[in-house]
C-alpha cells in the first residue's frame, strides 16, 4: 500500500466529521451575512450536492459559496466581528502569506491540508468554506470571454505561484505579466463597449470561461442543504448546466475524489465563543 492509499484510508473516517464542521461554518456565515445585509448563494459542487443529493456530494469535502465582489470586500473588512472567535476570514488582506485569490472562512480548531499547501508560509490551515467573488461580465462572444478569462486566470496563477530565482522565473514574470496586462486591458475595453448582463467569477478566477445570465442568479431563491435552507441561484438547473452540462449523471467510482490529503477535524485549540 503506497502513502496515497494510506492517507485516503486515514481520511475516509474523518470525511463526514469534516463535512459537518463545514456545515456549521456555513451556518455561521449565513448568520453574519443576515446581520450585515449581504447576499450570497451556494455555488459549484455545493449547489450540485444540494440539487442531486440533498446535501453534500458523498465524497466531497468542501463547501463553495459565491458573493458579489463588492459585498465580499465588505465581508472581508467587517465580517470578522460577526463570526465566532474560532473562525477567521482568510484573505490576502487578513493573512498576507496566502497566495490564493478567493476568500476562505477557516476553522481554527482543525487541520485540513491540500496539495497546494505548504508549511513554509505561515497561514492558517483549518477546515474552511470557500467564498468566490462574482462580478459583471460583458455580453461579448463566448469565445472572447473564454480566451480572455482563461488567459488572465492562468497568468495570475503563475505570477502568484512560489518561484525560485532562475532564468525561467524571470522569463515567466515578463511573459505572463505582460499577458495579464494586455488581457486585462482588453477586458476593460469590452466592459466599456458592451452591455453586461452576464455574471460570473471575476476574470482572474474564471479558469473555464463560464458565465451566467444575471436572471439565472437573481433574485435569489432557497434550497435545502443537509438540514437547513440556504440561499441559491434563481434557476439552479440552468446555473448547474452552465457549469457541468449533464450534472445529474453521477461519475464513476474512480473519479470520486476529495480535495484534502490530510483531515484532522478537531484539534481543540480554540474554545468556540458565540
Protein backbone atom coordinates (compact mmCIF):
# COMPACT_ATOMS: atom_id res chain seq x y z
CA UNK A 1 0.00 0.00 0.00
CA UNK A 2 1.50 3.37 -1.04
CA UNK A 3 1.25 6.54 1.04
CA UNK A 4 -1.67 7.89 -1.04
CA UNK A 5 -3.77 4.85 -0.20
CA UNK A 6 -2.75 5.11 3.45
CA UNK A 7 -3.75 8.77 3.61
CA UNK A 8 -7.05 8.01 1.88
CA UNK A 9 -7.84 5.28 4.41
CA UNK A 10 -6.87 7.61 7.27
CA UNK A 11 -9.02 10.49 5.95
CA UNK A 12 -12.08 8.47 4.97
CA UNK A 13 -13.45 8.10 8.54
CA UNK A 14 -12.89 11.85 9.05
CA UNK A 15 -14.77 12.90 5.92
CA UNK A 16 -18.22 13.15 7.49
CA UNK A 17 -16.85 14.99 10.54
CA UNK A 18 -15.18 17.43 8.12
CA UNK A 19 -18.46 17.95 6.25
CA UNK A 20 -20.39 18.60 9.43
CA UNK A 21 -17.83 21.16 10.59
CA UNK A 22 -18.05 22.89 7.21
CA UNK A 23 -21.82 22.92 7.55
CA UNK A 24 -21.51 24.69 10.90
CA UNK A 25 -19.14 27.23 9.36
CA UNK A 26 -21.69 27.86 6.61
CA UNK A 27 -24.42 28.41 9.20
CA UNK A 28 -22.22 30.98 10.98
CA UNK A 29 -21.52 32.74 7.66
CA UNK A 30 -25.25 32.78 6.98
CA UNK A 31 -25.94 34.43 10.35
CA UNK A 32 -23.20 37.02 9.75
CA UNK A 33 -24.46 37.85 6.26
CA UNK A 34 -28.02 38.31 7.51
CA UNK A 35 -26.81 40.73 10.19
CA UNK A 36 -24.70 42.62 7.64
CA UNK A 37 -27.35 42.69 4.90
CA UNK A 38 -25.06 40.81 2.49
CA UNK A 39 -26.32 38.34 -0.12
CA UNK A 40 -24.56 35.09 -1.02
CA UNK A 41 -25.58 31.79 -2.63
CA UNK A 42 -24.49 28.17 -2.86
CA UNK A 43 -22.11 27.64 -5.76
CA UNK A 44 -20.37 24.88 -7.69
CA UNK A 45 -20.28 21.42 -6.14
CA UNK A 46 -22.21 22.57 -3.07
CA UNK A 47 -25.18 23.63 -5.19
CA UNK A 48 -24.81 20.42 -7.18
CA UNK A 49 -24.89 18.42 -3.95
CA UNK A 50 -28.00 20.26 -2.78
CA UNK A 51 -29.86 19.52 -6.03
CA UNK A 52 -28.63 15.98 -6.65
CA UNK A 53 -28.10 14.64 -3.11
CA UNK A 54 -29.98 16.99 -0.80
CA UNK A 55 -26.68 17.92 0.85
CA UNK A 56 -23.03 17.11 0.42
CA UNK A 57 -21.90 15.07 -2.54
CA UNK A 58 -20.99 11.93 -0.53
CA UNK A 59 -17.30 12.05 -1.45
CA UNK A 60 -16.91 15.85 -1.41
CA UNK A 61 -15.02 17.64 1.32
CA UNK A 62 -15.59 21.33 0.70
CA UNK A 63 -18.30 23.98 0.56
CA UNK A 64 -18.39 26.68 -2.10
CA UNK A 65 -20.45 29.84 -1.94
CA UNK A 66 -20.43 32.96 -4.11
CA UNK A 67 -20.86 36.62 -3.31
CA UNK A 68 -20.84 39.84 -5.31
CA UNK A 69 -17.31 41.21 -5.35
CA UNK A 70 -18.36 44.46 -3.64
CA UNK A 71 -20.18 42.58 -0.88
CA UNK A 72 -17.18 40.29 -0.46
CA UNK A 73 -14.83 43.24 0.05
CA UNK A 74 -17.13 44.48 2.81
CA UNK A 75 -17.39 41.00 4.32
CA UNK A 76 -13.59 40.70 4.47
CA UNK A 77 -13.31 44.15 6.04
CA UNK A 78 -16.12 43.94 8.58
CA UNK A 79 -17.30 40.34 8.80
CA UNK A 80 -14.91 39.07 11.45
CA UNK A 81 -16.83 40.97 14.12
CA UNK A 82 -19.95 38.91 13.29
CA UNK A 83 -18.26 35.48 13.42
CA UNK A 84 -17.42 33.25 16.43
CA UNK A 85 -13.85 33.56 17.71
CA UNK A 86 -12.86 30.09 16.47
CA UNK A 87 -13.44 31.19 12.86
CA UNK A 88 -11.28 33.56 10.83
CA UNK A 89 -11.74 35.26 7.48
CA UNK A 90 -8.68 34.35 5.44
CA UNK A 91 -7.69 36.52 2.50
CA UNK A 92 -4.61 38.30 1.22
CA UNK A 93 -5.59 41.26 3.37
CA UNK A 94 -6.01 39.31 6.61
CA UNK A 95 -3.32 36.67 6.01
CA UNK A 96 -0.60 38.09 3.68
CA UNK A 97 1.14 34.71 3.27
CA UNK A 98 -1.91 33.40 1.40
CA UNK A 99 -1.41 33.21 -2.37
CA UNK A 100 -4.95 32.23 -3.45
CA UNK A 101 -7.32 34.99 -4.57
CA UNK A 102 -10.50 33.50 -3.16
CA UNK A 103 -11.57 34.16 0.41
CA UNK A 104 -11.96 31.39 2.96
CA UNK A 105 -13.60 31.26 6.37
CA UNK A 106 -11.33 28.95 8.34
CA UNK A 107 -11.96 26.94 11.48
CA UNK A 108 -9.05 27.33 13.92
CA UNK A 109 -9.72 24.04 15.73
CA UNK A 110 -8.87 21.70 12.84
CA UNK A 111 -6.27 20.84 10.23
CA UNK A 112 -7.01 20.47 6.52
CA UNK A 113 -4.08 20.03 4.14
CA UNK A 114 -4.33 20.13 0.34
CA UNK A 115 -1.72 19.55 -2.35
CA UNK A 116 -1.29 23.30 -2.84
CA UNK A 117 -0.49 23.89 0.85
CA UNK A 118 3.00 24.20 2.26
CA UNK A 119 4.49 24.59 5.73
CA UNK A 120 6.95 27.32 4.81
CA UNK A 121 4.39 30.11 4.51
CA UNK A 122 2.70 30.99 7.80
CA UNK A 123 -1.06 30.82 7.27
CA UNK A 124 -3.97 29.03 8.93
CA UNK A 125 -4.77 25.59 7.52
CA UNK A 126 -8.03 24.61 9.17
CA UNK A 127 -11.23 23.27 7.61
CA UNK A 128 -12.90 26.03 5.60
CA UNK A 129 -15.70 27.33 3.42
CA UNK A 130 -14.65 28.94 0.11
CA UNK A 131 -16.17 32.27 -0.97
CA UNK A 132 -15.84 33.20 -4.65
CA UNK A 133 -16.22 36.79 -5.88
CA UNK A 134 -18.72 37.39 -8.70
CA UNK A 135 -18.82 40.42 -10.98
CA UNK A 136 -20.43 41.66 -14.19
CA UNK A 137 -19.15 40.24 -17.48
CA UNK A 138 -19.53 41.82 -20.92
CA UNK A 139 -22.04 40.43 -23.42
CA UNK A 140 -19.25 39.61 -25.86
CA UNK A 141 -18.87 36.40 -27.90
CA UNK A 142 -18.30 33.41 -25.62
CA UNK A 143 -15.02 32.56 -27.37
CA UNK A 144 -13.65 36.02 -26.50
CA UNK A 145 -14.75 35.80 -22.87
CA UNK A 146 -13.32 32.31 -22.52
CA UNK A 147 -9.96 33.19 -24.04
CA UNK A 148 -9.54 36.38 -22.00
CA UNK A 149 -10.70 34.96 -18.67
CA UNK A 150 -8.63 31.79 -19.04
CA UNK A 151 -5.61 33.87 -20.06
CA UNK A 152 -5.98 36.21 -17.09
CA UNK A 153 -6.57 33.33 -14.66
CA UNK A 154 -3.55 31.36 -15.89
CA UNK A 155 -1.31 34.42 -15.80
CA UNK A 156 -2.39 35.26 -12.26
CA UNK A 157 -1.88 31.66 -11.11
CA UNK A 158 1.66 31.56 -12.46
CA UNK A 159 2.57 35.03 -11.18
CA UNK A 160 1.27 34.15 -7.70
CA UNK A 161 2.98 30.77 -7.63
CA UNK A 162 6.08 30.38 -5.48
CA UNK A 163 9.21 30.79 -7.62
CA UNK A 164 12.88 30.11 -7.19
CA UNK A 165 15.27 32.59 -8.72
CA UNK A 166 16.09 31.35 -12.22
CA UNK A 167 16.13 32.44 -15.83
CA UNK A 168 12.82 30.66 -16.33
CA UNK A 169 11.24 32.53 -13.41
CA UNK A 170 12.36 35.87 -14.89
CA UNK A 171 11.02 34.90 -18.32
CA UNK A 172 7.69 33.82 -16.80
CA UNK A 173 7.43 37.09 -14.89
CA UNK A 174 7.75 39.20 -18.03
CA UNK A 175 5.74 36.91 -20.33
CA UNK A 176 2.77 36.31 -18.05
CA UNK A 177 2.98 39.77 -16.52
CA UNK A 178 2.69 41.28 -19.99
CA UNK A 179 -0.08 38.86 -20.94
CA UNK A 180 -2.04 39.76 -17.84
CA UNK A 181 -1.74 43.50 -18.56
CA UNK A 182 -2.81 43.04 -22.20
CA UNK A 183 -5.76 40.74 -21.48
CA UNK A 184 -6.94 42.91 -18.57
CA UNK A 185 -6.83 45.99 -20.82
CA UNK A 186 -8.87 44.17 -23.50
CA UNK A 187 -11.35 43.09 -20.82
CA UNK A 188 -11.84 46.68 -19.71
CA UNK A 189 -12.43 47.76 -23.31
CA UNK A 190 -15.14 45.11 -23.66
CA UNK A 191 -16.74 46.26 -20.41
CA UNK A 192 -16.87 49.81 -21.79
CA UNK A 193 -18.18 48.84 -25.23
CA UNK A 194 -20.61 46.02 -24.46
CA UNK A 195 -23.70 45.58 -22.35
CA UNK A 196 -23.10 43.46 -19.28
CA UNK A 197 -25.99 41.22 -18.31
CA UNK A 198 -23.64 38.27 -17.75
CA UNK A 199 -22.39 37.41 -14.28
CA UNK A 200 -19.61 35.09 -13.08
CA UNK A 201 -16.41 34.68 -11.11
CA UNK A 202 -14.10 37.65 -11.56
CA UNK A 203 -11.92 37.22 -14.70
CA UNK A 204 -8.78 36.34 -12.73
CA UNK A 205 -10.61 33.37 -11.14
CA UNK A 206 -12.70 32.18 -14.07
CA UNK A 207 -10.43 29.48 -15.44
CA UNK A 208 -13.18 27.85 -17.52
CA UNK A 209 -14.72 30.98 -19.01
CA UNK A 210 -18.17 30.07 -17.61
CA UNK A 211 -20.74 32.85 -17.24
CA UNK A 212 -24.41 33.07 -16.25
CA UNK A 213 -27.16 35.43 -17.22
CA UNK A 214 -27.96 37.60 -14.21
CA UNK A 215 -31.56 36.36 -14.33
CA UNK A 216 -30.20 32.85 -13.67
CA UNK A 217 -28.74 34.10 -10.38
CA UNK A 218 -31.15 36.82 -9.25
CA UNK A 219 -33.49 37.13 -7.49
CA UNK A 220 -32.05 34.54 -5.15
CA UNK A 221 -34.14 31.60 -4.01
CA UNK A 222 -33.71 28.97 -1.31
CA UNK A 223 -32.58 25.36 -1.42
CA UNK A 224 -32.26 22.62 1.18
CA UNK A 225 -28.70 21.61 2.01
CA UNK A 226 -28.45 18.91 4.67
CA UNK A 227 -30.71 20.18 7.49
CA UNK A 228 -31.04 23.87 6.56
CA UNK A 229 -32.37 26.09 3.76
CA UNK A 230 -29.68 28.32 2.26
CA UNK A 231 -29.69 30.99 -0.50
CA UNK A 232 -29.40 29.60 -4.02
CA UNK A 233 -29.45 30.94 -7.59
CA UNK A 234 -32.86 31.78 -9.00
CA UNK A 235 -32.56 28.98 -11.59
CA UNK A 236 -30.35 26.22 -10.12
CA UNK A 237 -30.95 23.93 -13.12
CA UNK A 238 -29.61 26.41 -15.68
CA UNK A 239 -26.83 27.50 -13.33
CA UNK A 240 -25.59 23.91 -12.99
CA UNK A 241 -25.98 23.20 -16.71
CA UNK A 242 -23.76 26.21 -17.42
CA UNK A 243 -21.07 24.69 -15.21
CA UNK A 244 -21.41 20.92 -15.59
CA UNK A 245 -23.70 20.31 -18.58
CA UNK A 246 -25.24 16.90 -17.65
CA UNK A 247 -24.95 17.43 -13.91
CA UNK A 248 -27.33 14.67 -12.80
CA UNK A 249 -25.06 11.89 -14.07
CA UNK A 250 -23.03 10.51 -11.15
CA UNK A 251 -19.35 9.99 -12.03
CA UNK A 252 -17.78 6.51 -11.87
CA UNK A 253 -16.12 5.43 -8.62
CA UNK A 254 -12.59 6.05 -9.89
CA UNK A 255 -13.39 9.74 -10.42
CA UNK A 256 -14.84 10.36 -6.97
CA UNK A 257 -12.07 12.16 -5.12
CA UNK A 258 -11.93 14.61 -2.26
CA UNK A 259 -9.50 17.53 -2.18
CA UNK A 260 -7.64 17.06 1.09
CA UNK A 261 -4.58 14.89 1.61
CA UNK A 262 -4.93 15.17 5.39
CA UNK A 263 -8.01 15.92 7.52
CA UNK A 264 -7.93 16.27 11.31
CA UNK A 265 -11.40 17.57 12.21
CA UNK A 266 -10.73 18.56 15.83
CA UNK A 267 -7.53 19.98 17.33
CA UNK A 268 -9.27 21.56 20.34
CA UNK A 269 -7.00 24.61 20.22
CA UNK A 270 -9.55 27.43 20.46
CA UNK A 271 -12.71 27.30 22.53
CA UNK A 272 -15.77 28.21 20.46
CA UNK A 273 -17.25 31.51 21.52
CA UNK A 274 -20.61 32.54 20.23
